[in-house]
């Protein structure tokens, strides 16, 4: 079960997210559902279509159990297998 404490060691695909801070001001506020994840990118299904966004240059907001959780992109910029498998 995903909680605010263990979100970084779980799968992100299927979660809704929003960019709350970024080195690129044009993507702040972008939100949608994560449909794919690689080592350095999220693919997000937004109302304007699919967007590929770098993880490391953004801070991400996730809503878990009615709580907003902020995750630094640099802390999750790993292959999903490595992050989930505890090899982080």
PDB file of N, CA and C in Angstrom:
ATOM      1  N   UNK A   1       0.832  -1.174   0.000  1.00  0.00           N
ATOM      2  CA  UNK A   1       0.000   0.000   0.000  1.00  0.00           C
ATOM      3  C   UNK A   1       0.888   1.253   0.000  1.00  0.00           C
ATOM      4  N   UNK A   2       0.545   2.182  -0.850  1.00  0.00           N
ATOM      5  CA  UNK A   2       1.326   3.412  -0.952  1.00  0.00           C
ATOM      6  C   UNK A   2       0.903   4.368   0.157  1.00  0.00           C
ATOM      7  N   UNK A   3       1.887   4.894   0.868  1.00  0.00           N
ATOM      8  CA  UNK A   3       1.644   5.904   1.895  1.00  0.00           C
ATOM      9  C   UNK A   3       2.565   7.094   1.628  1.00  0.00           C
ATOM     10  N   UNK A   4       2.366   8.153   2.365  1.00  0.00           N
ATOM     11  CA  UNK A   4       3.219   9.333   2.220  1.00  0.00           C
ATOM     12  C   UNK A   4       4.664   9.016   2.581  1.00  0.00           C
ATOM     13  N   UNK A   5       4.873   8.063   3.472  1.00  0.00           N
ATOM     14  CA  UNK A   5       6.221   7.729   3.919  1.00  0.00           C
ATOM     15  C   UNK A   5       6.989   6.845   2.938  1.00  0.00           C
ATOM     16  N   UNK A   6       6.282   6.007   2.172  1.00  0.00           N
ATOM     17  CA  UNK A   6       6.987   5.052   1.312  1.00  0.00           C
ATOM     18  C   UNK A   6       6.734   5.259  -0.180  1.00  0.00           C
ATOM     19  N   UNK A   7       6.208   6.393  -0.563  1.00  0.00           N
ATOM     20  CA  UNK A   7       5.855   6.627  -1.963  1.00  0.00           C
ATOM     21  C   UNK A   7       7.050   6.494  -2.910  1.00  0.00           C
ATOM     22  N   UNK A   8       8.238   6.880  -2.470  1.00  0.00           N
ATOM     23  CA  UNK A   8       9.389   6.843  -3.374  1.00  0.00           C
ATOM     24  C   UNK A   8       9.863   5.435  -3.682  1.00  0.00           C
ATOM     25  N   UNK A   9       9.388   4.452  -2.952  1.00  0.00           N
ATOM     26  CA  UNK A   9       9.777   3.066  -3.237  1.00  0.00           C
ATOM     27  C   UNK A   9       8.633   2.274  -3.860  1.00  0.00           C
ATOM     28  N   UNK A  10       7.669   2.974  -4.458  1.00  0.00           N
ATOM     29  CA  UNK A  10       6.541   2.317  -5.118  1.00  0.00           C
ATOM     30  C   UNK A  10       6.451   2.727  -6.580  1.00  0.00           C
ATOM     31  N   UNK A  11       5.593   2.062  -7.284  1.00  0.00           N
ATOM     32  CA  UNK A  11       5.302   2.333  -8.695  1.00  0.00           C
ATOM     33  C   UNK A  11       4.554   3.661  -8.812  1.00  0.00           C
ATOM     34  N   UNK A  12       4.941   4.497  -9.766  1.00  0.00           N
ATOM     35  CA  UNK A  12       4.265   5.766  -9.996  1.00  0.00           C
ATOM     36  C   UNK A  12       3.223   5.680 -11.110  1.00  0.00           C
ATOM     37  N   UNK A  13       3.341   4.682 -11.973  1.00  0.00           N
ATOM     38  CA  UNK A  13       2.395   4.557 -13.082  1.00  0.00           C
ATOM     39  C   UNK A  13       0.988   4.393 -12.518  1.00  0.00           C
ATOM     40  N   UNK A  14       0.079   5.211 -13.037  1.00  0.00           N
ATOM     41  CA  UNK A  14      -1.306   5.182 -12.589  1.00  0.00           C
ATOM     42  C   UNK A  14      -1.648   6.268 -11.584  1.00  0.00           C
ATOM     43  N   UNK A  15      -0.635   6.937 -11.035  1.00  0.00           N
ATOM     44  CA  UNK A  15      -0.891   8.000 -10.063  1.00  0.00           C
ATOM     45  C   UNK A  15      -1.113   9.334 -10.762  1.00  0.00           C
ATOM     46  N   UNK A  16      -1.969  10.148 -10.170  1.00  0.00           N
ATOM     47  CA  UNK A  16      -2.156  11.515 -10.643  1.00  0.00           C
ATOM     48  C   UNK A  16      -1.088  12.386  -9.995  1.00  0.00           C
ATOM     49  N   UNK A  17      -0.571  13.328 -10.782  1.00  0.00           N
ATOM     50  CA  UNK A  17       0.511  14.177 -10.293  1.00  0.00           C
ATOM     51  C   UNK A  17       0.365  15.590 -10.835  1.00  0.00           C
ATOM     52  N   UNK A  18       1.080  16.505 -10.203  1.00  0.00           N
ATOM     53  CA  UNK A  18       1.151  17.893 -10.651  1.00  0.00           C
ATOM     54  C   UNK A  18       2.559  18.400 -10.389  1.00  0.00           C
ATOM     55  N   UNK A  19       3.090  19.168 -11.324  1.00  0.00           N
ATOM     56  CA  UNK A  19       4.401  19.789 -11.134  1.00  0.00           C
ATOM     57  C   UNK A  19       4.187  21.088 -10.365  1.00  0.00           C
ATOM     58  N   UNK A  20       4.833  21.190  -9.201  1.00  0.00           N
ATOM     59  CA  UNK A  20       4.640  22.388  -8.374  1.00  0.00           C
ATOM     60  C   UNK A  20       5.844  23.316  -8.381  1.00  0.00           C
ATOM     61  N   UNK A  21       6.994  22.796  -8.803  1.00  0.00           N
ATOM     62  CA  UNK A  21       8.209  23.622  -8.890  1.00  0.00           C
ATOM     63  C   UNK A  21       9.064  23.033  -9.999  1.00  0.00           C
ATOM     64  N   UNK A  22       9.673  23.904 -10.797  1.00  0.00           N
ATOM     65  CA  UNK A  22      10.448  23.419 -11.935  1.00  0.00           C
ATOM     66  C   UNK A  22      11.479  24.447 -12.365  1.00  0.00           C
ATOM     67  N   UNK A  23      12.538  23.947 -12.987  1.00  0.00           N
ATOM     68  CA  UNK A  23      13.505  24.855 -13.590  1.00  0.00           C
ATOM     69  C   UNK A  23      12.948  25.442 -14.884  1.00  0.00           C
ATOM     70  N   UNK A  24      11.869  24.855 -15.396  1.00  0.00           N
ATOM     71  CA  UNK A  24      11.188  25.346 -16.588  1.00  0.00           C
ATOM     72  C   UNK A  24       9.820  25.897 -16.171  1.00  0.00           C
ATOM     73  N   UNK A  25       9.663  27.206 -16.085  1.00  0.00           N
ATOM     74  CA  UNK A  25       8.405  27.776 -15.606  1.00  0.00           C
ATOM     75  C   UNK A  25       7.187  27.418 -16.454  1.00  0.00           C
ATOM     76  N   UNK A  26       7.387  27.007 -17.690  1.00  0.00           N
ATOM     77  CA  UNK A  26       6.261  26.673 -18.558  1.00  0.00           C
ATOM     78  C   UNK A  26       5.539  25.392 -18.148  1.00  0.00           C
ATOM     79  N   UNK A  27       6.189  24.515 -17.374  1.00  0.00           N
ATOM     80  CA  UNK A  27       5.543  23.261 -16.985  1.00  0.00           C
ATOM     81  C   UNK A  27       4.956  23.297 -15.573  1.00  0.00           C
ATOM     82  N   UNK A  28       5.182  24.372 -14.833  1.00  0.00           N
ATOM     83  CA  UNK A  28       4.610  24.466 -13.488  1.00  0.00           C
ATOM     84  C   UNK A  28       3.087  24.460 -13.611  1.00  0.00           C
ATOM     85  N   UNK A  29       2.460  23.601 -12.828  1.00  0.00           N
ATOM     86  CA  UNK A  29       1.005  23.453 -12.879  1.00  0.00           C
ATOM     87  C   UNK A  29       0.528  22.344 -13.801  1.00  0.00           C
ATOM     88  N   UNK A  30       1.434  21.794 -14.615  1.00  0.00           N
ATOM     89  CA  UNK A  30       1.058  20.687 -15.499  1.00  0.00           C
ATOM     90  C   UNK A  30       0.621  19.513 -14.634  1.00  0.00           C
ATOM     91  N   UNK A  31      -0.507  18.925 -14.986  1.00  0.00           N
ATOM     92  CA  UNK A  31      -0.991  17.807 -14.183  1.00  0.00           C
ATOM     93  C   UNK A  31      -1.649  16.759 -15.061  1.00  0.00           C
ATOM     94  N   UNK A  32      -1.717  15.560 -14.529  1.00  0.00           N
ATOM     95  CA  UNK A  32      -2.330  14.452 -15.240  1.00  0.00           C
ATOM     96  C   UNK A  32      -1.949  13.135 -14.596  1.00  0.00           C
ATOM     97  N   UNK A  33      -2.209  12.057 -15.319  1.00  0.00           N
ATOM     98  CA  UNK A  33      -1.931  10.713 -14.815  1.00  0.00           C
ATOM     99  C   UNK A  33      -0.659  10.170 -15.461  1.00  0.00           C
ATOM    100  N   UNK A  34       0.211   9.603 -14.648  1.00  0.00           N
ATOM    101  CA  UNK A  34       1.448   9.011 -15.151  1.00  0.00           C
ATOM    102  C   UNK A  34       1.114   7.699 -15.845  1.00  0.00           C
ATOM    103  N   UNK A  35       1.524   7.586 -17.115  1.00  0.00           N
ATOM    104  CA  UNK A  35       1.234   6.373 -17.883  1.00  0.00           C
ATOM    105  C   UNK A  35       2.483   5.566 -18.202  1.00  0.00           C
ATOM    106  N   UNK A  36       3.659   6.159 -18.019  1.00  0.00           N
ATOM    107  CA  UNK A  36       4.911   5.435 -18.241  1.00  0.00           C
ATOM    108  C   UNK A  36       6.022   6.139 -17.469  1.00  0.00           C
ATOM    109  N   UNK A  37       7.063   5.343 -17.158  1.00  0.00           N
ATOM    110  CA  UNK A  37       8.179   5.890 -16.396  1.00  0.00           C
ATOM    111  C   UNK A  37       9.468   5.241 -16.875  1.00  0.00           C
ATOM    112  N   UNK A  38      10.482   6.066 -17.072  1.00  0.00           N
ATOM    113  CA  UNK A  38      11.828   5.574 -17.358  1.00  0.00           C
ATOM    114  C   UNK A  38      12.757   6.123 -16.275  1.00  0.00           C
ATOM    115  N   UNK A  39      14.042   5.903 -16.450  1.00  0.00           N
ATOM    116  CA  UNK A  39      15.012   6.389 -15.459  1.00  0.00           C
ATOM    117  C   UNK A  39      14.902   7.888 -15.238  1.00  0.00           C
ATOM    118  N   UNK A  40      14.716   8.636 -16.289  1.00  0.00           N
ATOM    119  CA  UNK A  40      14.768  10.088 -16.143  1.00  0.00           C
ATOM    120  C   UNK A  40      13.487  10.816 -16.555  1.00  0.00           C
ATOM    121  N   UNK A  41      12.466  10.090 -16.998  1.00  0.00           N
ATOM    122  CA  UNK A  41      11.269  10.748 -17.526  1.00  0.00           C
ATOM    123  C   UNK A  41       9.982  10.116 -17.017  1.00  0.00           C
ATOM    124  N   UNK A  42       8.947  10.948 -16.890  1.00  0.00           N
ATOM    125  CA  UNK A  42       7.574  10.492 -16.734  1.00  0.00           C
ATOM    126  C   UNK A  42       6.843  10.809 -18.025  1.00  0.00           C
ATOM    127  N   UNK A  43       5.982   9.923 -18.469  1.00  0.00           N
ATOM    128  CA  UNK A  43       5.039  10.235 -19.533  1.00  0.00           C
ATOM    129  C   UNK A  43       3.698  10.459 -18.846  1.00  0.00           C
ATOM    130  N   UNK A  44       3.142  11.644 -19.042  1.00  0.00           N
ATOM    131  CA  UNK A  44       1.925  12.053 -18.343  1.00  0.00           C
ATOM    132  C   UNK A  44       0.815  12.294 -19.350  1.00  0.00           C
ATOM    133  N   UNK A  45      -0.349  11.706 -19.073  1.00  0.00           N
ATOM    134  CA  UNK A  45      -1.526  11.936 -19.897  1.00  0.00           C
ATOM    135  C   UNK A  45      -2.242  13.168 -19.341  1.00  0.00           C
ATOM    136  N   UNK A  46      -2.149  14.282 -20.059  1.00  0.00           N
ATOM    137  CA  UNK A  46      -2.764  15.541 -19.639  1.00  0.00           C
ATOM    138  C   UNK A  46      -3.987  15.815 -20.498  1.00  0.00           C
ATOM    139  N   UNK A  47      -4.698  16.879 -20.181  1.00  0.00           N
ATOM    140  CA  UNK A  47      -5.863  17.230 -20.998  1.00  0.00           C
ATOM    141  C   UNK A  47      -5.454  17.687 -22.397  1.00  0.00           C
ATOM    142  N   UNK A  48      -4.185  18.043 -22.564  1.00  0.00           N
ATOM    143  CA  UNK A  48      -3.675  18.450 -23.874  1.00  0.00           C
ATOM    144  C   UNK A  48      -2.867  17.350 -24.550  1.00  0.00           C
ATOM    145  N   UNK A  49      -2.982  16.120 -24.061  1.00  0.00           N
ATOM    146  CA  UNK A  49      -2.275  15.002 -24.682  1.00  0.00           C
ATOM    147  C   UNK A  49      -1.119  14.507 -23.827  1.00  0.00           C
ATOM    148  N   UNK A  50      -0.364  13.592 -24.401  1.00  0.00           N
ATOM    149  CA  UNK A  50       0.765  12.985 -23.696  1.00  0.00           C
ATOM    150  C   UNK A  50       1.950  13.947 -23.664  1.00  0.00           C
ATOM    151  N   UNK A  51       2.566  14.059 -22.494  1.00  0.00           N
ATOM    152  CA  UNK A  51       3.750  14.909 -22.319  1.00  0.00           C
ATOM    153  C   UNK A  51       4.841  14.078 -21.656  1.00  0.00           C
ATOM    154  N   UNK A  52       6.059  14.202 -22.159  1.00  0.00           N
ATOM    155  CA  UNK A  52       7.203  13.564 -21.521  1.00  0.00           C
ATOM    156  C   UNK A  52       7.969  14.643 -20.770  1.00  0.00           C
ATOM    157  N   UNK A  53       8.092  14.427 -19.466  1.00  0.00           N
ATOM    158  CA  UNK A  53       8.676  15.439 -18.593  1.00  0.00           C
ATOM    159  C   UNK A  53       9.813  14.818 -17.794  1.00  0.00           C
ATOM    160  N   UNK A  54      10.933  15.519 -17.725  1.00  0.00           N
ATOM    161  CA  UNK A  54      12.076  15.049 -16.940  1.00  0.00           C
ATOM    162  C   UNK A  54      11.713  15.032 -15.465  1.00  0.00           C
ATOM    163  N   UNK A  55      12.161  13.985 -14.778  1.00  0.00           N
ATOM    164  CA  UNK A  55      11.901  13.871 -13.338  1.00  0.00           C
ATOM    165  C   UNK A  55      12.748  14.856 -12.536  1.00  0.00           C
ATOM    166  N   UNK A  56      14.041  14.882 -12.812  1.00  0.00           N
ATOM    167  CA  UNK A  56      15.007  15.507 -11.910  1.00  0.00           C
ATOM    168  C   UNK A  56      14.902  17.025 -11.811  1.00  0.00           C
ATOM    169  N   UNK A  57      14.329  17.680 -12.789  1.00  0.00           N
ATOM    170  CA  UNK A  57      14.285  19.143 -12.765  1.00  0.00           C
ATOM    171  C   UNK A  57      12.987  19.684 -12.180  1.00  0.00           C
ATOM    172  N   UNK A  58      12.171  18.795 -11.608  1.00  0.00           N
ATOM    173  CA  UNK A  58      10.853  19.191 -11.113  1.00  0.00           C
ATOM    174  C   UNK A  58      10.593  18.642  -9.723  1.00  0.00           C
ATOM    175  N   UNK A  59       9.705  19.335  -9.004  1.00  0.00           N
ATOM    176  CA  UNK A  59       9.149  18.806  -7.762  1.00  0.00           C
ATOM    177  C   UNK A  59       7.714  18.414  -8.061  1.00  0.00           C
ATOM    178  N   UNK A  60       7.333  17.215  -7.616  1.00  0.00           N
ATOM    179  CA  UNK A  60       6.063  16.597  -7.990  1.00  0.00           C
ATOM    180  C   UNK A  60       5.134  16.516  -6.788  1.00  0.00           C
ATOM    181  N   UNK A  61       3.852  16.777  -7.015  1.00  0.00           N
ATOM    182  CA  UNK A  61       2.852  16.622  -5.958  1.00  0.00           C
ATOM    183  C   UNK A  61       1.978  15.421  -6.306  1.00  0.00           C
ATOM    184  N   UNK A  62       1.823  14.530  -5.333  1.00  0.00           N
ATOM    185  CA  UNK A  62       0.947  13.369  -5.457  1.00  0.00           C
ATOM    186  C   UNK A  62      -0.063  13.436  -4.324  1.00  0.00           C
ATOM    187  N   UNK A  63      -1.286  13.008  -4.568  1.00  0.00           N
ATOM    188  CA  UNK A  63      -2.293  12.926  -3.513  1.00  0.00           C
ATOM    189  C   UNK A  63      -2.444  11.464  -3.122  1.00  0.00           C
ATOM    190  N   UNK A  64      -2.055  11.164  -1.893  1.00  0.00           N
ATOM    191  CA  UNK A  64      -2.112   9.807  -1.366  1.00  0.00           C
ATOM    192  C   UNK A  64      -2.999   9.830  -0.124  1.00  0.00           C
ATOM    193  N   UNK A  65      -4.075   9.057  -0.138  1.00  0.00           N
ATOM    194  CA  UNK A  65      -5.004   8.970   0.997  1.00  0.00           C
ATOM    195  C   UNK A  65      -5.440  10.371   1.450  1.00  0.00           C
ATOM    196  N   UNK A  66      -5.829  11.196   0.498  1.00  0.00           N
ATOM    197  CA  UNK A  66      -6.303  12.566   0.749  1.00  0.00           C
ATOM    198  C   UNK A  66      -5.248  13.497   1.335  1.00  0.00           C
ATOM    199  N   UNK A  67      -3.979  13.122   1.236  1.00  0.00           N
ATOM    200  CA  UNK A  67      -2.888  13.989   1.675  1.00  0.00           C
ATOM    201  C   UNK A  67      -2.008  14.305   0.471  1.00  0.00           C
ATOM    202  N   UNK A  68      -1.561  15.550   0.385  1.00  0.00           N
ATOM    203  CA  UNK A  68      -0.635  15.936  -0.671  1.00  0.00           C
ATOM    204  C   UNK A  68       0.785  15.615  -0.229  1.00  0.00           C
ATOM    205  N   UNK A  69       1.504  14.919  -1.109  1.00  0.00           N
ATOM    206  CA  UNK A  69       2.881  14.527  -0.836  1.00  0.00           C
ATOM    207  C   UNK A  69       3.761  15.169  -1.900  1.00  0.00           C
ATOM    208  N   UNK A  70       4.807  15.867  -1.478  1.00  0.00           N
ATOM    209  CA  UNK A  70       5.745  16.507  -2.396  1.00  0.00           C
ATOM    210  C   UNK A  70       6.987  15.635  -2.491  1.00  0.00           C
ATOM    211  N   UNK A  71       7.390  15.340  -3.740  1.00  0.00           N
ATOM    212  CA  UNK A  71       8.565  14.496  -3.981  1.00  0.00           C
ATOM    213  C   UNK A  71       9.538  15.264  -4.871  1.00  0.00           C
ATOM    214  N   UNK A  72      10.790  15.370  -4.424  1.00  0.00           N
ATOM    215  CA  UNK A  72      11.834  15.989  -5.254  1.00  0.00           C
ATOM    216  C   UNK A  72      12.171  15.047  -6.396  1.00  0.00           C
ATOM    217  N   UNK A  73      12.182  15.536  -7.596  1.00  0.00           N
ATOM    218  CA  UNK A  73      12.472  14.714  -8.760  1.00  0.00           C
ATOM    219  C   UNK A  73      13.852  14.092  -8.720  1.00  0.00           C
ATOM    220  N   UNK A  74      14.818  14.804  -8.167  1.00  0.00           N
ATOM    221  CA  UNK A  74      16.174  14.267  -8.106  1.00  0.00           C
ATOM    222  C   UNK A  74      16.244  13.012  -7.240  1.00  0.00           C
ATOM    223  N   UNK A  75      15.331  12.860  -6.294  1.00  0.00           N
ATOM    224  CA  UNK A  75      15.353  11.687  -5.421  1.00  0.00           C
ATOM    225  C   UNK A  75      14.723  10.453  -6.059  1.00  0.00           C
ATOM    226  N   UNK A  76      13.999  10.631  -7.167  1.00  0.00           N
ATOM    227  CA  UNK A  76      13.363   9.492  -7.835  1.00  0.00           C
ATOM    228  C   UNK A  76      13.898   9.271  -9.244  1.00  0.00           C
ATOM    229  N   UNK A  77      14.951   9.981  -9.614  1.00  0.00           N
ATOM    230  CA  UNK A  77      15.519   9.861 -10.962  1.00  0.00           C
ATOM    231  C   UNK A  77      16.384   8.602 -11.062  1.00  0.00           C
ATOM    232  N   UNK A  78      15.726   7.472 -10.967  1.00  0.00           N
ATOM    233  CA  UNK A  78      16.366   6.162 -11.076  1.00  0.00           C
ATOM    234  C   UNK A  78      15.450   5.276 -11.903  1.00  0.00           C
ATOM    235  N   UNK A  79      15.997   4.167 -12.368  1.00  0.00           N
ATOM    236  CA  UNK A  79      15.146   3.210 -13.050  1.00  0.00           C
ATOM    237  C   UNK A  79      14.102   2.707 -12.064  1.00  0.00           C
ATOM    238  N   UNK A  80      12.861   2.540 -12.506  1.00  0.00           N
ATOM    239  CA  UNK A  80      11.823   2.060 -11.577  1.00  0.00           C
ATOM    240  C   UNK A  80      12.222   0.767 -10.877  1.00  0.00           C
ATOM    241  N   UNK A  81      12.865  -0.142 -11.599  1.00  0.00           N
ATOM    242  CA  UNK A  81      13.285  -1.427 -11.026  1.00  0.00           C
ATOM    243  C   UNK A  81      14.254  -1.219  -9.868  1.00  0.00           C
ATOM    244  N   UNK A  82      15.202  -0.320 -10.033  1.00  0.00           N
ATOM    245  CA  UNK A  82      16.179  -0.052  -8.975  1.00  0.00           C
ATOM    246  C   UNK A  82      15.544   0.625  -7.765  1.00  0.00           C
ATOM    247  N   UNK A  83      14.647   1.567  -8.029  1.00  0.00           N
ATOM    248  CA  UNK A  83      14.009   2.293  -6.939  1.00  0.00           C
ATOM    249  C   UNK A  83      13.052   1.380  -6.163  1.00  0.00           C
ATOM    250  N   UNK A  84      12.276   0.597  -6.851  1.00  0.00           N
ATOM    251  CA  UNK A  84      11.293  -0.277  -6.204  1.00  0.00           C
ATOM    252  C   UNK A  84      11.975  -1.453  -5.531  1.00  0.00           C
ATOM    253  N   UNK A  85      13.026  -1.948  -6.147  1.00  0.00           N
ATOM    254  CA  UNK A  85      13.724  -3.116  -5.604  1.00  0.00           C
ATOM    255  C   UNK A  85      14.582  -2.816  -4.397  1.00  0.00           C
ATOM    256  N   UNK A  86      14.659  -1.571  -3.985  1.00  0.00           N
ATOM    257  CA  UNK A  86      15.424  -1.220  -2.808  1.00  0.00           C
ATOM    258  C   UNK A  86      16.906  -1.066  -3.070  1.00  0.00           C
ATOM    259  N   UNK A  87      17.315  -0.964  -4.331  1.00  0.00           N
ATOM    260  CA  UNK A  87      18.721  -0.795  -4.654  1.00  0.00           C
ATOM    261  C   UNK A  87      19.092   0.678  -4.761  1.00  0.00           C
ATOM    262  N   UNK A  88      18.210   1.529  -4.332  1.00  0.00           N
ATOM    263  CA  UNK A  88      18.420   2.973  -4.428  1.00  0.00           C
ATOM    264  C   UNK A  88      19.611   3.348  -3.597  1.00  0.00           C
TER     265      UNK A  88
END
